[in-house]
Amino acid sequence: MNLDRETITKLTEANDETLWETVRGIALAKGFRLPEATPPHETMERLRGTLSGNGTLSLGEAVRVIAAYKKDNPNG
């Protein structure tokens, strides 16, 4: 899935719950199930940084952040 700059900007400005639901939807479309519970605000801010390209989190690190959250919340 390709996201245009306008969509990315809207996502980075969305509240944590809306952003997480979008991330979950994208992941589900790719065959990954993520927990329903929204991660802590700090995690969401790191994901926003990755989306905007302004963060210090690489894509690989973003995957690890989500995987760690999923491991800690297996029944999400």
N, C-alpha and C. Protein backbone atom coordinates (compact mmCIF):
# COMPACT_ATOMS: atom_id res chain seq x y z
N MET A 1 0.85 -1.18 0.00
CA MET A 1 0.00 0.00 0.00
C MET A 1 0.89 1.24 0.00
N ASN A 2 0.61 2.13 -0.93
CA ASN A 2 1.34 3.38 -0.99
C ASN A 2 0.46 4.49 -0.43
N LEU A 3 1.05 5.30 0.42
CA LEU A 3 0.33 6.42 1.01
C LEU A 3 0.91 7.71 0.47
N ASP A 4 0.04 8.60 -0.01
CA ASP A 4 0.54 9.88 -0.50
C ASP A 4 0.85 10.79 0.68
N ARG A 5 1.56 11.85 0.41
CA ARG A 5 2.01 12.77 1.47
C ARG A 5 0.84 13.34 2.26
N GLU A 6 -0.27 13.66 1.59
CA GLU A 6 -1.44 14.22 2.28
C GLU A 6 -2.02 13.21 3.28
N THR A 7 -2.11 11.96 2.86
CA THR A 7 -2.63 10.91 3.75
C THR A 7 -1.69 10.72 4.94
N ILE A 8 -0.40 10.71 4.69
CA ILE A 8 0.57 10.56 5.78
C ILE A 8 0.45 11.72 6.76
N THR A 9 0.29 12.93 6.25
CA THR A 9 0.14 14.10 7.13
C THR A 9 -1.11 13.94 7.99
N LYS A 10 -2.21 13.52 7.40
CA LYS A 10 -3.45 13.32 8.16
C LYS A 10 -3.25 12.26 9.24
N LEU A 11 -2.55 11.19 8.91
CA LEU A 11 -2.31 10.13 9.89
C LEU A 11 -1.46 10.63 11.05
N THR A 12 -0.43 11.41 10.74
CA THR A 12 0.45 11.89 11.82
C THR A 12 -0.27 12.89 12.72
N GLU A 13 -1.32 13.51 12.20
CA GLU A 13 -2.08 14.48 13.00
C GLU A 13 -3.27 13.85 13.72
N ALA A 14 -3.57 12.59 13.41
CA ALA A 14 -4.71 11.90 14.02
C ALA A 14 -4.40 11.57 15.48
N ASN A 15 -5.47 11.36 16.25
CA ASN A 15 -5.25 10.94 17.64
C ASN A 15 -4.73 9.50 17.65
N ASP A 16 -4.23 9.08 18.80
CA ASP A 16 -3.59 7.77 18.91
C ASP A 16 -4.52 6.63 18.47
N GLU A 17 -5.77 6.70 18.88
CA GLU A 17 -6.71 5.62 18.57
C GLU A 17 -6.97 5.52 17.07
N THR A 18 -7.15 6.66 16.42
CA THR A 18 -7.39 6.66 14.97
C THR A 18 -6.17 6.16 14.21
N LEU A 19 -5.00 6.62 14.62
CA LEU A 19 -3.77 6.17 13.97
C LEU A 19 -3.61 4.66 14.14
N TRP A 20 -3.84 4.16 15.34
CA TRP A 20 -3.67 2.73 15.60
C TRP A 20 -4.67 1.91 14.78
N GLU A 21 -5.92 2.36 14.69
CA GLU A 21 -6.90 1.63 13.89
C GLU A 21 -6.47 1.58 12.42
N THR A 22 -5.89 2.65 11.94
CA THR A 22 -5.40 2.67 10.56
C THR A 22 -4.23 1.71 10.39
N VAL A 23 -3.29 1.73 11.33
CA VAL A 23 -2.14 0.82 11.28
C VAL A 23 -2.62 -0.62 11.33
N ARG A 24 -3.59 -0.90 12.20
CA ARG A 24 -4.14 -2.25 12.30
C ARG A 24 -4.78 -2.68 10.99
N GLY A 25 -5.52 -1.76 10.35
CA GLY A 25 -6.16 -2.07 9.09
C GLY A 25 -5.16 -2.38 7.99
N ILE A 26 -4.10 -1.59 7.93
CA ILE A 26 -3.05 -1.82 6.94
C ILE A 26 -2.38 -3.17 7.21
N ALA A 27 -2.07 -3.42 8.48
CA ALA A 27 -1.41 -4.68 8.84
C ALA A 27 -2.30 -5.88 8.50
N LEU A 28 -3.59 -5.77 8.81
CA LEU A 28 -4.53 -6.86 8.53
C LEU A 28 -4.60 -7.14 7.03
N ALA A 29 -4.59 -6.09 6.24
CA ALA A 29 -4.63 -6.26 4.79
C ALA A 29 -3.39 -6.99 4.28
N LYS A 30 -2.30 -6.91 5.05
CA LYS A 30 -1.06 -7.59 4.68
C LYS A 30 -0.91 -8.93 5.37
N GLY A 31 -1.95 -9.33 6.15
CA GLY A 31 -1.94 -10.64 6.78
C GLY A 31 -1.40 -10.67 8.20
N PHE A 32 -1.25 -9.50 8.83
CA PHE A 32 -0.75 -9.43 10.21
C PHE A 32 -1.87 -8.97 11.12
N ARG A 33 -2.03 -9.66 12.24
CA ARG A 33 -3.03 -9.27 13.22
C ARG A 33 -2.34 -8.57 14.38
N LEU A 34 -2.74 -7.33 14.65
CA LEU A 34 -2.18 -6.57 15.76
C LEU A 34 -3.22 -6.46 16.87
N PRO A 35 -2.78 -6.25 18.11
CA PRO A 35 -3.72 -6.11 19.22
C PRO A 35 -4.68 -4.95 19.00
N GLU A 36 -5.88 -5.10 19.54
CA GLU A 36 -6.88 -4.03 19.43
C GLU A 36 -6.52 -2.84 20.30
N ALA A 37 -5.94 -3.11 21.46
CA ALA A 37 -5.62 -2.02 22.39
C ALA A 37 -4.56 -1.11 21.81
N THR A 38 -4.81 0.17 21.89
CA THR A 38 -3.85 1.16 21.39
C THR A 38 -2.59 1.14 22.25
N PRO A 39 -1.42 1.10 21.61
CA PRO A 39 -0.16 1.14 22.39
C PRO A 39 -0.04 2.45 23.17
N PRO A 40 0.90 2.50 24.10
CA PRO A 40 1.12 3.73 24.88
C PRO A 40 1.43 4.91 23.95
N HIS A 41 1.12 6.10 24.42
CA HIS A 41 1.31 7.32 23.64
C HIS A 41 2.75 7.44 23.13
N GLU A 42 3.72 7.05 23.94
CA GLU A 42 5.13 7.16 23.53
C GLU A 42 5.40 6.30 22.28
N THR A 43 4.81 5.11 22.24
CA THR A 43 4.96 4.23 21.09
C THR A 43 4.31 4.86 19.86
N MET A 44 3.14 5.43 20.04
CA MET A 44 2.44 6.07 18.93
C MET A 44 3.23 7.26 18.40
N GLU A 45 3.86 8.00 19.29
CA GLU A 45 4.68 9.13 18.85
C GLU A 45 5.88 8.66 18.03
N ARG A 46 6.45 7.54 18.42
CA ARG A 46 7.57 6.98 17.65
C ARG A 46 7.10 6.54 16.27
N LEU A 47 5.91 5.95 16.21
CA LEU A 47 5.36 5.56 14.92
C LEU A 47 5.06 6.78 14.05
N ARG A 48 4.54 7.84 14.66
CA ARG A 48 4.30 9.08 13.92
C ARG A 48 5.61 9.62 13.34
N GLY A 49 6.66 9.56 14.14
CA GLY A 49 7.96 10.03 13.67
C GLY A 49 8.44 9.24 12.47
N THR A 50 8.18 7.94 12.49
CA THR A 50 8.56 7.09 11.37
C THR A 50 7.75 7.46 10.13
N LEU A 51 6.46 7.65 10.30
CA LEU A 51 5.60 8.01 9.17
C LEU A 51 6.01 9.33 8.54
N SER A 52 6.32 10.29 9.39
CA SER A 52 6.62 11.62 8.87
C SER A 52 8.05 11.73 8.34
N GLY A 53 8.87 10.75 8.69
CA GLY A 53 10.26 10.81 8.26
C GLY A 53 11.10 11.71 9.14
N ASN A 54 10.49 12.23 10.19
CA ASN A 54 11.20 13.13 11.10
C ASN A 54 11.75 12.43 12.33
N GLY A 55 11.39 11.18 12.49
CA GLY A 55 11.81 10.48 13.69
C GLY A 55 13.15 9.80 13.50
N THR A 56 13.61 9.21 14.58
CA THR A 56 14.87 8.51 14.55
C THR A 56 14.66 7.01 14.42
N LEU A 57 13.43 6.60 14.24
CA LEU A 57 13.06 5.20 14.19
C LEU A 57 13.09 4.71 12.75
N SER A 58 13.88 3.70 12.46
CA SER A 58 13.89 3.14 11.12
C SER A 58 12.66 2.25 10.95
N LEU A 59 12.38 1.86 9.73
CA LEU A 59 11.25 0.98 9.49
C LEU A 59 11.42 -0.33 10.25
N GLY A 60 12.65 -0.87 10.26
CA GLY A 60 12.92 -2.09 11.02
C GLY A 60 12.64 -1.92 12.49
N GLU A 61 13.00 -0.76 13.02
CA GLU A 61 12.72 -0.49 14.43
C GLU A 61 11.22 -0.37 14.67
N ALA A 62 10.49 0.22 13.73
CA ALA A 62 9.04 0.33 13.87
C ALA A 62 8.41 -1.06 13.95
N VAL A 63 8.88 -1.95 13.10
CA VAL A 63 8.37 -3.33 13.14
C VAL A 63 8.68 -3.97 14.49
N ARG A 64 9.88 -3.74 15.01
CA ARG A 64 10.25 -4.30 16.33
C ARG A 64 9.39 -3.70 17.44
N VAL A 65 9.09 -2.40 17.36
CA VAL A 65 8.24 -1.76 18.38
C VAL A 65 6.86 -2.42 18.38
N ILE A 66 6.30 -2.58 17.20
CA ILE A 66 4.97 -3.20 17.10
C ILE A 66 5.01 -4.66 17.52
N ALA A 67 6.05 -5.38 17.12
CA ALA A 67 6.18 -6.80 17.50
C ALA A 67 6.30 -6.94 19.01
N ALA A 68 7.07 -6.07 19.64
CA ALA A 68 7.22 -6.13 21.10
C ALA A 68 5.90 -5.84 21.79
N TYR A 69 5.17 -4.86 21.26
CA TYR A 69 3.85 -4.54 21.83
C TYR A 69 2.91 -5.73 21.66
N LYS A 70 2.94 -6.35 20.49
CA LYS A 70 2.09 -7.50 20.24
C LYS A 70 2.44 -8.66 21.17
N LYS A 71 3.73 -8.87 21.41
CA LYS A 71 4.17 -9.94 22.30
C LYS A 71 3.68 -9.69 23.73
N ASP A 72 3.72 -8.43 24.16
CA ASP A 72 3.29 -8.08 25.51
C ASP A 72 1.76 -8.06 25.64
N ASN A 73 1.05 -8.02 24.53
CA ASN A 73 -0.40 -7.96 24.54
C ASN A 73 -0.96 -9.00 23.56
N PRO A 74 -0.70 -10.27 23.78
CA PRO A 74 -1.07 -11.31 22.81
C PRO A 74 -2.56 -11.43 22.55
N ASN A 75 -3.38 -11.03 23.48
CA ASN A 75 -4.83 -11.15 23.27
C ASN A 75 -5.45 -9.85 22.82
N GLY A 76 -4.59 -8.78 22.71
CA GLY A 76 -4.95 -7.46 22.23
C GLY A 76 -6.39 -7.22 22.17
